[in-house]
Amino acid sequence: SKQPHIFAELDNLMTKLEDAFQQQDWEQVESLL
């Protein structure tokens, strides 16, 4: 029952990761990865 929520959370993390990478916020990139 948690799977759809976790998939959405993974997708959200990937979006945040892309943003952090574009902003060259390397500490945030490492944390999000």
PDB file of all heavy atoms in Angstrom:
ATOM      1  N   SER A   1       0.822  -1.206   0.000  1.00  0.00           N
ATOM      2  CA  SER A   1       0.000   0.000   0.000  1.00  0.00           C
ATOM      3  C   SER A   1       0.861   1.263   0.000  1.00  0.00           C
ATOM      4  O   SER A   1       0.396   2.335  -0.355  1.00  0.00           O
ATOM      5  CB  SER A   1      -0.940   0.009   1.214  1.00  0.00           C
ATOM      6  OG  SER A   1      -0.179   0.079   2.411  1.00  0.00           O
ATOM      7  N   LYS A   2       2.129   1.140   0.392  1.00  0.00           N
ATOM      8  CA  LYS A   2       3.041   2.280   0.406  1.00  0.00           C
ATOM      9  C   LYS A   2       3.748   2.469  -0.933  1.00  0.00           C
ATOM     10  O   LYS A   2       4.361   3.509  -1.149  1.00  0.00           O
ATOM     11  CB  LYS A   2       4.092   2.096   1.503  1.00  0.00           C
ATOM     12  CG  LYS A   2       3.527   2.116   2.903  1.00  0.00           C
ATOM     13  CD  LYS A   2       4.637   1.966   3.909  1.00  0.00           C
ATOM     14  CE  LYS A   2       4.086   1.987   5.318  1.00  0.00           C
ATOM     15  NZ  LYS A   2       5.148   1.833   6.313  1.00  0.00           N
ATOM     16  N   GLN A   3       3.689   1.493  -1.820  1.00  0.00           N
ATOM     17  CA  GLN A   3       4.452   1.548  -3.063  1.00  0.00           C
ATOM     18  C   GLN A   3       4.160   2.792  -3.901  1.00  0.00           C
ATOM     19  O   GLN A   3       5.102   3.477  -4.296  1.00  0.00           O
ATOM     20  CB  GLN A   3       4.233   0.285  -3.905  1.00  0.00           C
ATOM     21  CG  GLN A   3       4.794  -0.986  -3.307  1.00  0.00           C
ATOM     22  CD  GLN A   3       6.291  -0.921  -3.042  1.00  0.00           C
ATOM     23  OE1 GLN A   3       7.026  -0.152  -3.646  1.00  0.00           O
ATOM     24  NE2 GLN A   3       6.746  -1.733  -2.127  1.00  0.00           N
ATOM     25  N   PRO A   4       2.895   3.111  -4.204  1.00  0.00           N
ATOM     26  CA  PRO A   4       2.660   4.305  -5.033  1.00  0.00           C
ATOM     27  C   PRO A   4       3.240   5.566  -4.398  1.00  0.00           C
ATOM     28  O   PRO A   4       3.797   6.419  -5.089  1.00  0.00           O
ATOM     29  CB  PRO A   4       1.134   4.381  -5.139  1.00  0.00           C
ATOM     30  CG  PRO A   4       0.677   2.978  -4.942  1.00  0.00           C
ATOM     31  CD  PRO A   4       1.651   2.392  -3.943  1.00  0.00           C
ATOM     32  N   HIS A   5       3.130   5.665  -3.076  1.00  0.00           N
ATOM     33  CA  HIS A   5       3.685   6.826  -2.374  1.00  0.00           C
ATOM     34  C   HIS A   5       5.209   6.856  -2.518  1.00  0.00           C
ATOM     35  O   HIS A   5       5.795   7.916  -2.748  1.00  0.00           O
ATOM     36  CB  HIS A   5       3.292   6.784  -0.892  1.00  0.00           C
ATOM     37  CG  HIS A   5       3.996   7.805  -0.067  1.00  0.00           C
ATOM     38  ND1 HIS A   5       3.714   9.146  -0.154  1.00  0.00           N
ATOM     39  CD2 HIS A   5       5.006   7.686   0.841  1.00  0.00           C
ATOM     40  CE1 HIS A   5       4.504   9.812   0.669  1.00  0.00           C
ATOM     41  NE2 HIS A   5       5.297   8.952   1.292  1.00  0.00           N
ATOM     42  N   ILE A   6       5.854   5.727  -2.401  1.00  0.00           N
ATOM     43  CA  ILE A   6       7.313   5.665  -2.497  1.00  0.00           C
ATOM     44  C   ILE A   6       7.766   5.970  -3.920  1.00  0.00           C
ATOM     45  O   ILE A   6       8.765   6.667  -4.124  1.00  0.00           O
ATOM     46  CB  ILE A   6       7.839   4.302  -2.003  1.00  0.00           C
ATOM     47  CG1 ILE A   6       7.600   4.191  -0.488  1.00  0.00           C
ATOM     48  CG2 ILE A   6       9.315   4.140  -2.321  1.00  0.00           C
ATOM     49  CD1 ILE A   6       7.919   2.849   0.113  1.00  0.00           C
ATOM     50  N   PHE A   7       7.033   5.484  -4.921  1.00  0.00           N
ATOM     51  CA  PHE A   7       7.381   5.802  -6.308  1.00  0.00           C
ATOM     52  C   PHE A   7       7.262   7.310  -6.551  1.00  0.00           C
ATOM     53  O   PHE A   7       8.102   7.907  -7.217  1.00  0.00           O
ATOM     54  CB  PHE A   7       6.500   5.041  -7.297  1.00  0.00           C
ATOM     55  CG  PHE A   7       6.791   3.560  -7.341  1.00  0.00           C
ATOM     56  CD1 PHE A   7       5.767   2.645  -7.443  1.00  0.00           C
ATOM     57  CD2 PHE A   7       8.094   3.072  -7.295  1.00  0.00           C
ATOM     58  CE1 PHE A   7       6.015   1.290  -7.503  1.00  0.00           C
ATOM     59  CE2 PHE A   7       8.359   1.722  -7.348  1.00  0.00           C
ATOM     60  CZ  PHE A   7       7.321   0.823  -7.448  1.00  0.00           C
ATOM     61  N   ALA A   8       6.227   7.923  -5.985  1.00  0.00           N
ATOM     62  CA  ALA A   8       6.053   9.374  -6.124  1.00  0.00           C
ATOM     63  C   ALA A   8       7.189  10.101  -5.399  1.00  0.00           C
ATOM     64  O   ALA A   8       7.699  11.113  -5.893  1.00  0.00           O
ATOM     65  CB  ALA A   8       4.697   9.798  -5.568  1.00  0.00           C
ATOM     66  N   GLU A   9       7.592   9.586  -4.247  1.00  0.00           N
ATOM     67  CA  GLU A   9       8.692  10.205  -3.499  1.00  0.00           C
ATOM     68  C   GLU A   9      10.007  10.091  -4.282  1.00  0.00           C
ATOM     69  O   GLU A   9      10.789  11.046  -4.344  1.00  0.00           O
ATOM     70  CB  GLU A   9       8.839   9.537  -2.130  1.00  0.00           C
ATOM     71  CG  GLU A   9       9.816  10.237  -1.226  1.00  0.00           C
ATOM     72  CD  GLU A   9       9.852   9.640   0.175  1.00  0.00           C
ATOM     73  OE1 GLU A   9       8.900   8.950   0.581  1.00  0.00           O
ATOM     74  OE2 GLU A   9      10.857   9.877   0.865  1.00  0.00           O
ATOM     75  N   LEU A  10      10.245   8.938  -4.906  1.00  0.00           N
ATOM     76  CA  LEU A  10      11.439   8.774  -5.742  1.00  0.00           C
ATOM     77  C   LEU A  10      11.413   9.754  -6.906  1.00  0.00           C
ATOM     78  O   LEU A  10      12.426  10.381  -7.221  1.00  0.00           O
ATOM     79  CB  LEU A  10      11.522   7.340  -6.280  1.00  0.00           C
ATOM     80  CG  LEU A  10      12.231   6.327  -5.399  1.00  0.00           C
ATOM     81  CD1 LEU A  10      11.969   4.906  -5.892  1.00  0.00           C
ATOM     82  CD2 LEU A  10      13.719   6.606  -5.340  1.00  0.00           C
ATOM     83  N   ASP A  11      10.278   9.890  -7.538  1.00  0.00           N
ATOM     84  CA  ASP A  11      10.146  10.817  -8.661  1.00  0.00           C
ATOM     85  C   ASP A  11      10.404  12.252  -8.197  1.00  0.00           C
ATOM     86  O   ASP A  11      11.092  13.016  -8.873  1.00  0.00           O
ATOM     87  CB  ASP A  11       8.753  10.679  -9.281  1.00  0.00           C
ATOM     88  CG  ASP A  11       8.669  11.333 -10.643  1.00  0.00           C
ATOM     89  OD1 ASP A  11       9.534  11.022 -11.494  1.00  0.00           O
ATOM     90  OD2 ASP A  11       7.759  12.150 -10.852  1.00  0.00           O
ATOM     91  N   ASN A  12       9.886  12.610  -7.035  1.00  0.00           N
ATOM     92  CA  ASN A  12      10.103  13.940  -6.470  1.00  0.00           C
ATOM     93  C   ASN A  12      11.588  14.167  -6.164  1.00  0.00           C
ATOM     94  O   ASN A  12      12.130  15.238  -6.445  1.00  0.00           O
ATOM     95  CB  ASN A  12       9.257  14.111  -5.203  1.00  0.00           C
ATOM     96  CG  ASN A  12       9.335  15.505  -4.648  1.00  0.00           C
ATOM     97  OD1 ASN A  12       9.299  16.483  -5.380  1.00  0.00           O
ATOM     98  ND2 ASN A  12       9.453  15.604  -3.337  1.00  0.00           N
ATOM     99  N   LEU A  13      12.252  13.167  -5.605  1.00  0.00           N
ATOM    100  CA  LEU A  13      13.680  13.277  -5.328  1.00  0.00           C
ATOM    101  C   LEU A  13      14.474  13.491  -6.616  1.00  0.00           C
ATOM    102  O   LEU A  13      15.420  14.275  -6.649  1.00  0.00           O
ATOM    103  CB  LEU A  13      14.188  12.017  -4.620  1.00  0.00           C
ATOM    104  CG  LEU A  13      13.948  11.927  -3.124  1.00  0.00           C
ATOM    105  CD1 LEU A  13      14.296  10.531  -2.609  1.00  0.00           C
ATOM    106  CD2 LEU A  13      14.756  12.972  -2.389  1.00  0.00           C
ATOM    107  N   MET A  14      14.085  12.801  -7.675  1.00  0.00           N
ATOM    108  CA  MET A  14      14.790  12.948  -8.947  1.00  0.00           C
ATOM    109  C   MET A  14      14.610  14.350  -9.522  1.00  0.00           C
ATOM    110  O   MET A  14      15.547  14.916 -10.092  1.00  0.00           O
ATOM    111  CB  MET A  14      14.354  11.863  -9.931  1.00  0.00           C
ATOM    112  CG  MET A  14      14.925  10.497  -9.555  1.00  0.00           C
ATOM    113  SD  MET A  14      14.635   9.221 -10.779  1.00  0.00           S
ATOM    114  CE  MET A  14      12.978   8.766 -10.385  1.00  0.00           C
ATOM    115  N   THR A  15      13.435  14.924  -9.350  1.00  0.00           N
ATOM    116  CA  THR A  15      13.200  16.294  -9.805  1.00  0.00           C
ATOM    117  C   THR A  15      14.063  17.269  -9.013  1.00  0.00           C
ATOM    118  O   THR A  15      14.706  18.162  -9.589  1.00  0.00           O
ATOM    119  CB  THR A  15      11.715  16.660  -9.669  1.00  0.00           C
ATOM    120  OG1 THR A  15      10.940  15.760 -10.480  1.00  0.00           O
ATOM    121  CG2 THR A  15      11.447  18.088 -10.107  1.00  0.00           C
ATOM    122  N   LYS A  16      14.098  17.096  -7.695  1.00  0.00           N
ATOM    123  CA  LYS A  16      14.942  17.949  -6.850  1.00  0.00           C
ATOM    124  C   LYS A  16      16.417  17.788  -7.212  1.00  0.00           C
ATOM    125  O   LYS A  16      17.172  18.760  -7.218  1.00  0.00           O
ATOM    126  CB  LYS A  16      14.740  17.611  -5.380  1.00  0.00           C
ATOM    127  CG  LYS A  16      13.417  18.061  -4.825  1.00  0.00           C
ATOM    128  CD  LYS A  16      13.283  17.673  -3.365  1.00  0.00           C
ATOM    129  CE  LYS A  16      11.953  18.083  -2.795  1.00  0.00           C
ATOM    130  NZ  LYS A  16      11.811  17.680  -1.379  1.00  0.00           N
ATOM    131  N   LEU A  17      16.806  16.562  -7.538  1.00  0.00           N
ATOM    132  CA  LEU A  17      18.189  16.285  -7.912  1.00  0.00           C
ATOM    133  C   LEU A  17      18.564  17.014  -9.197  1.00  0.00           C
ATOM    134  O   LEU A  17      19.634  17.623  -9.295  1.00  0.00           O
ATOM    135  CB  LEU A  17      18.389  14.773  -8.071  1.00  0.00           C
ATOM    136  CG  LEU A  17      19.757  14.262  -8.457  1.00  0.00           C
ATOM    137  CD1 LEU A  17      20.821  14.735  -7.484  1.00  0.00           C
ATOM    138  CD2 LEU A  17      19.738  12.745  -8.527  1.00  0.00           C
ATOM    139  N   GLU A  18      17.682  16.982 -10.177  1.00  0.00           N
ATOM    140  CA  GLU A  18      17.924  17.706 -11.431  1.00  0.00           C
ATOM    141  C   GLU A  18      18.080  19.200 -11.172  1.00  0.00           C
ATOM    142  O   GLU A  18      18.986  19.842 -11.724  1.00  0.00           O
ATOM    143  CB  GLU A  18      16.781  17.464 -12.412  1.00  0.00           C
ATOM    144  CG  GLU A  18      16.758  16.075 -13.000  1.00  0.00           C
ATOM    145  CD  GLU A  18      15.507  15.799 -13.826  1.00  0.00           C
ATOM    146  OE1 GLU A  18      14.790  16.757 -14.189  1.00  0.00           O
ATOM    147  OE2 GLU A  18      15.256  14.620 -14.108  1.00  0.00           O
ATOM    148  N   ASP A  19      17.216  19.747 -10.327  1.00  0.00           N
ATOM    149  CA  ASP A  19      17.291  21.179 -10.005  1.00  0.00           C
ATOM    150  C   ASP A  19      18.607  21.516  -9.310  1.00  0.00           C
ATOM    151  O   ASP A  19      19.258  22.503  -9.654  1.00  0.00           O
ATOM    152  CB  ASP A  19      16.108  21.597  -9.123  1.00  0.00           C
ATOM    153  CG  ASP A  19      14.780  21.551  -9.852  1.00  0.00           C
ATOM    154  OD1 ASP A  19      14.771  21.517 -11.101  1.00  0.00           O
ATOM    155  OD2 ASP A  19      13.731  21.534  -9.166  1.00  0.00           O
ATOM    156  N   ALA A  20      18.986  20.712  -8.337  1.00  0.00           N
ATOM    157  CA  ALA A  20      20.231  20.955  -7.602  1.00  0.00           C
ATOM    158  C   ALA A  20      21.434  20.854  -8.531  1.00  0.00           C
ATOM    159  O   ALA A  20      22.380  21.635  -8.428  1.00  0.00           O
ATOM    160  CB  ALA A  20      20.367  19.966  -6.442  1.00  0.00           C
ATOM    161  N   PHE A  21      21.389  19.911  -9.463  1.00  0.00           N
ATOM    162  CA  PHE A  21      22.497  19.759 -10.401  1.00  0.00           C
ATOM    163  C   PHE A  21      22.589  20.989 -11.304  1.00  0.00           C
ATOM    164  O   PHE A  21      23.672  21.514 -11.533  1.00  0.00           O
ATOM    165  CB  PHE A  21      22.329  18.489 -11.242  1.00  0.00           C
ATOM    166  CG  PHE A  21      23.574  18.107 -11.980  1.00  0.00           C
ATOM    167  CD1 PHE A  21      24.503  17.277 -11.402  1.00  0.00           C
ATOM    168  CD2 PHE A  21      23.825  18.603 -13.243  1.00  0.00           C
ATOM    169  CE1 PHE A  21      25.672  16.932 -12.071  1.00  0.00           C
ATOM    170  CE2 PHE A  21      24.983  18.277 -13.927  1.00  0.00           C
ATOM    171  CZ  PHE A  21      25.913  17.428 -13.335  1.00  0.00           C
ATOM    172  N   GLN A  22      21.464  21.462 -11.796  1.00  0.00           N
ATOM    173  CA  GLN A  22      21.457  22.644 -12.657  1.00  0.00           C
ATOM    174  C   GLN A  22      21.963  23.876 -11.915  1.00  0.00           C
ATOM    175  O   GLN A  22      22.608  24.744 -12.503  1.00  0.00           O
ATOM    176  CB  GLN A  22      20.054  22.906 -13.221  1.00  0.00           C
ATOM    177  CG  GLN A  22      19.590  21.850 -14.204  1.00  0.00           C
ATOM    178  CD  GLN A  22      20.518  21.677 -15.385  1.00  0.00           C
ATOM    179  OE1 GLN A  22      21.045  22.641 -15.923  1.00  0.00           O
ATOM    180  NE2 GLN A  22      20.745  20.437 -15.788  1.00  0.00           N
ATOM    181  N   GLN A  23      21.689  23.946 -10.618  1.00  0.00           N
ATOM    182  CA  GLN A  23      22.141  25.071  -9.803  1.00  0.00           C
ATOM    183  C   GLN A  23      23.580  24.864  -9.315  1.00  0.00           C
ATOM    184  O   GLN A  23      24.120  25.736  -8.637  1.00  0.00           O
ATOM    185  CB  GLN A  23      21.212  25.266  -8.612  1.00  0.00           C
ATOM    186  CG  GLN A  23      19.820  25.669  -9.009  1.00  0.00           C
ATOM    187  CD  GLN A  23      18.860  25.679  -7.831  1.00  0.00           C
ATOM    188  OE1 GLN A  23      19.241  25.495  -6.681  1.00  0.00           O
ATOM    189  NE2 GLN A  23      17.585  25.884  -8.122  1.00  0.00           N
ATOM    190  N   GLN A  24      24.154  23.728  -9.637  1.00  0.00           N
ATOM    191  CA  GLN A  24      25.508  23.358  -9.228  1.00  0.00           C
ATOM    192  C   GLN A  24      25.670  23.406  -7.711  1.00  0.00           C
ATOM    193  O   GLN A  24      26.701  23.816  -7.186  1.00  0.00           O
ATOM    194  CB  GLN A  24      26.540  24.219  -9.941  1.00  0.00           C
ATOM    195  CG  GLN A  24      26.507  24.038 -11.438  1.00  0.00           C
ATOM    196  CD  GLN A  24      27.550  24.848 -12.183  1.00  0.00           C
ATOM    197  OE1 GLN A  24      28.454  25.406 -11.599  1.00  0.00           O
ATOM    198  NE2 GLN A  24      27.424  24.881 -13.498  1.00  0.00           N
ATOM    199  N   ASP A  25      24.654  22.965  -7.019  1.00  0.00           N
ATOM    200  CA  ASP A  25      24.684  22.848  -5.560  1.00  0.00           C
ATOM    201  C   ASP A  25      25.148  21.432  -5.227  1.00  0.00           C
ATOM    202  O   ASP A  25      24.356  20.527  -5.010  1.00  0.00           O
ATOM    203  CB  ASP A  25      23.289  23.122  -4.979  1.00  0.00           C
ATOM    204  CG  ASP A  25      23.256  23.101  -3.465  1.00  0.00           C
ATOM    205  OD1 ASP A  25      24.246  22.678  -2.833  1.00  0.00           O
ATOM    206  OD2 ASP A  25      22.215  23.521  -2.911  1.00  0.00           O
ATOM    207  N   TRP A  26      26.471  21.245  -5.228  1.00  0.00           N
ATOM    208  CA  TRP A  26      27.050  19.902  -5.182  1.00  0.00           C
ATOM    209  C   TRP A  26      26.769  19.175  -3.876  1.00  0.00           C
ATOM    210  O   TRP A  26      26.599  17.952  -3.882  1.00  0.00           O
ATOM    211  CB  TRP A  26      28.542  19.967  -5.483  1.00  0.00           C
ATOM    212  CG  TRP A  26      28.807  20.668  -6.781  1.00  0.00           C
ATOM    213  CD1 TRP A  26      29.623  21.741  -6.974  1.00  0.00           C
ATOM    214  CD2 TRP A  26      28.225  20.387  -8.073  1.00  0.00           C
ATOM    215  NE1 TRP A  26      29.583  22.140  -8.295  1.00  0.00           N
ATOM    216  CE2 TRP A  26      28.737  21.326  -8.992  1.00  0.00           C
ATOM    217  CE3 TRP A  26      27.315  19.445  -8.539  1.00  0.00           C
ATOM    218  CZ2 TRP A  26      28.384  21.344 -10.340  1.00  0.00           C
ATOM    219  CZ3 TRP A  26      26.955  19.464  -9.886  1.00  0.00           C
ATOM    220  CH2 TRP A  26      27.489  20.386 -10.772  1.00  0.00           C
ATOM    221  N   GLU A  27      26.694  19.883  -2.765  1.00  0.00           N
ATOM    222  CA  GLU A  27      26.358  19.229  -1.494  1.00  0.00           C
ATOM    223  C   GLU A  27      24.941  18.684  -1.545  1.00  0.00           C
ATOM    224  O   GLU A  27      24.675  17.568  -1.088  1.00  0.00           O
ATOM    225  CB  GLU A  27      26.528  20.193  -0.325  1.00  0.00           C
ATOM    226  CG  GLU A  27      27.976  20.509  -0.020  1.00  0.00           C
ATOM    227  CD  GLU A  27      28.129  21.471   1.147  1.00  0.00           C
ATOM    228  OE1 GLU A  27      27.173  21.661   1.923  1.00  0.00           O
ATOM    229  OE2 GLU A  27      29.228  22.040   1.271  1.00  0.00           O
ATOM    230  N   GLN A  28      24.040  19.465  -2.109  1.00  0.00           N
ATOM    231  CA  GLN A  28      22.646  19.032  -2.242  1.00  0.00           C
ATOM    232  C   GLN A  28      22.549  17.859  -3.217  1.00  0.00           C
ATOM    233  O   GLN A  28      21.799  16.910  -2.980  1.00  0.00           O
ATOM    234  CB  GLN A  28      21.761  20.203  -2.688  1.00  0.00           C
ATOM    235  CG  GLN A  28      20.299  19.886  -2.748  1.00  0.00           C
ATOM    236  CD  GLN A  28      19.662  19.730  -1.372  1.00  0.00           C
ATOM    237  OE1 GLN A  28      20.282  19.895  -0.341  1.00  0.00           O
ATOM    238  NE2 GLN A  28      18.403  19.391  -1.374  1.00  0.00           N
ATOM    239  N   VAL A  29      23.307  17.923  -4.309  1.00  0.00           N
ATOM    240  CA  VAL A  29      23.309  16.827  -5.288  1.00  0.00           C
ATOM    241  C   VAL A  29      23.746  15.533  -4.603  1.00  0.00           C
ATOM    242  O   VAL A  29      23.098  14.493  -4.750  1.00  0.00           O
ATOM    243  CB  VAL A  29      24.232  17.146  -6.490  1.00  0.00           C
ATOM    244  CG1 VAL A  29      24.476  15.901  -7.337  1.00  0.00           C
ATOM    245  CG2 VAL A  29      23.634  18.256  -7.337  1.00  0.00           C
ATOM    246  N   GLU A  30      24.822  15.600  -3.850  1.00  0.00           N
ATOM    247  CA  GLU A  30      25.327  14.404  -3.170  1.00  0.00           C
ATOM    248  C   GLU A  30      24.304  13.855  -2.181  1.00  0.00           C
ATOM    249  O   GLU A  30      24.043  12.649  -2.137  1.00  0.00           O
ATOM    250  CB  GLU A  30      26.630  14.736  -2.445  1.00  0.00           C
ATOM    251  CG  GLU A  30      27.269  13.526  -1.803  1.00  0.00           C
ATOM    252  CD  GLU A  30      28.601  13.834  -1.156  1.00  0.00           C
ATOM    253  OE1 GLU A  30      29.127  14.945  -1.330  1.00  0.00           O
ATOM    254  OE2 GLU A  30      29.114  12.936  -0.479  1.00  0.00           O
ATOM    255  N   SER A  31      23.692  14.752  -1.426  1.00  0.00           N
ATOM    256  CA  SER A  31      22.685  14.338  -0.452  1.00  0.00           C
ATOM    257  C   SER A  31      21.472  13.691  -1.136  1.00  0.00           C
ATOM    258  O   SER A  31      20.991  12.642  -0.707  1.00  0.00           O
ATOM    259  CB  SER A  31      22.247  15.555   0.368  1.00  0.00           C
ATOM    260  OG  SER A  31      21.173  15.224   1.204  1.00  0.00           O
ATOM    261  N   LEU A  32      20.996  14.329  -2.198  1.00  0.00           N
ATOM    262  CA  LEU A  32      19.824  13.796  -2.912  1.00  0.00           C
ATOM    263  C   LEU A  32      20.135  12.478  -3.613  1.00  0.00           C
ATOM    264  O   LEU A  32      19.288  11.579  -3.652  1.00  0.00           O
ATOM    265  CB  LEU A  32      19.297  14.832  -3.902  1.00  0.00           C
ATOM    266  CG  LEU A  32      18.616  16.046  -3.263  1.00  0.00           C
ATOM    267  CD1 LEU A  32      18.419  17.149  -4.287  1.00  0.00           C
ATOM    268  CD2 LEU A  32      17.290  15.645  -2.631  1.00  0.00           C
ATOM    269  N   LEU A  33      21.326  12.353  -4.167  1.00  0.00           N
ATOM    270  CA  LEU A  33      21.717  11.082  -4.790  1.00  0.00           C
ATOM    271  C   LEU A  33      21.730   9.957  -3.764  1.00  0.00           C
ATOM    272  O   LEU A  33      21.234   8.858  -4.025  1.00  0.00           O
ATOM    273  CB  LEU A  33      23.108  11.197  -5.423  1.00  0.00           C
ATOM    274  CG  LEU A  33      23.179  11.563  -6.880  1.00  0.00           C
ATOM    275  CD1 LEU A  33      24.626  11.782  -7.298  1.00  0.00           C
ATOM    276  CD2 LEU A  33      22.518  10.535  -7.751  1.00  0.00           C
TER     277      LEU A  33
END
